[in-house]
Protein backbone atom coordinates (compact mmCIF):
# COMPACT_ATOMS: atom_id res chain seq x y z
CA MET A 1 6.47 45.00 122.70
CA LYS A 2 8.75 43.52 120.04
CA VAL A 3 9.42 40.50 122.21
CA ALA A 4 5.69 39.87 122.61
CA ARG A 5 5.20 40.01 118.82
CA LEU A 6 8.06 37.56 118.33
CA VAL A 7 6.60 35.18 120.88
CA LEU A 8 3.16 35.40 119.26
CA LYS A 9 4.66 34.70 115.83
CA ILE A 10 6.46 31.65 117.20
CA VAL A 11 3.25 30.42 118.83
CA ALA A 12 1.31 30.96 115.59
CA LEU A 13 3.93 29.07 113.61
CA SER A 14 3.86 26.20 116.10
CA LEU A 15 0.07 25.98 115.95
CA SER A 16 0.17 26.02 112.15
CA VAL A 17 2.64 23.15 112.07
CA ALA A 18 0.53 21.21 114.57
CA ALA A 19 -2.62 21.77 112.47
CA LEU A 20 -0.84 20.60 109.32
CA THR A 21 0.42 17.50 111.12
CA CYS A 22 -3.07 16.69 112.38
CA ALA A 23 -4.53 17.12 108.90
CA VAL A 24 -1.95 14.75 107.39
CA VAL A 25 -2.59 12.15 110.09
CA ALA A 26 -6.36 12.47 109.74
CA TYR A 27 -6.34 12.07 105.95
CA TRP A 28 -3.43 9.62 105.66
CA ASN A 29 -5.52 6.82 104.11
CA GLU A 30 -7.02 9.13 101.51
CA LEU A 31 -3.59 10.54 100.66
CA VAL A 32 -2.16 7.05 100.18
CA GLU A 33 -5.10 6.04 97.97
CA LEU A 34 -4.66 9.20 95.89
CA PHE A 35 -0.94 8.51 95.52
CA ASP A 36 -1.57 4.89 94.48
CA TYR A 37 -4.23 5.93 91.96
CA THR A 38 -1.94 8.57 90.45
CA LYS A 39 0.94 6.11 90.30
CA SER A 40 -1.18 3.50 88.53
CA LYS A 41 -2.45 6.07 86.00
CA ILE A 42 1.10 7.16 85.21
CA GLN A 43 2.25 3.55 84.82
CA ARG A 44 -0.64 2.79 82.44
CA ARG A 45 0.28 5.76 80.25
CA THR A 46 3.94 4.83 80.05
CA CYS A 47 3.35 1.14 79.30
CA VAL A 48 1.04 1.62 76.35
CA SER A 49 1.96 -0.63 73.46
CA GLU A 50 2.64 1.05 70.15
CA TYR A 51 0.43 -1.55 68.44
CA ASP A 52 -2.71 -0.88 70.51
CA ASP A 53 -4.17 1.08 67.58
CA TYR A 54 -3.98 -1.99 65.34
CA GLU A 55 -5.91 -4.43 67.50
CA GLU A 56 -8.79 -6.16 65.75
C-alpha cells in the first residue's frame, strides 16, 4: 500500500511539472512582454533627471 502511494505521488508530481511547463510554453509571449514592460518601467524610474521638476 505504501508503494502505491509513493508511485501515485511521483505521478502527481510529474503531471504537475508537465502542466507548469505547458503553461509557460503557452504564455511565453505574454511573459516576455510583461518582463519587457516591467524592465522599461524600472529603467524610467531610475533614469529620472533631478531637474525634471524645474522644466518650464
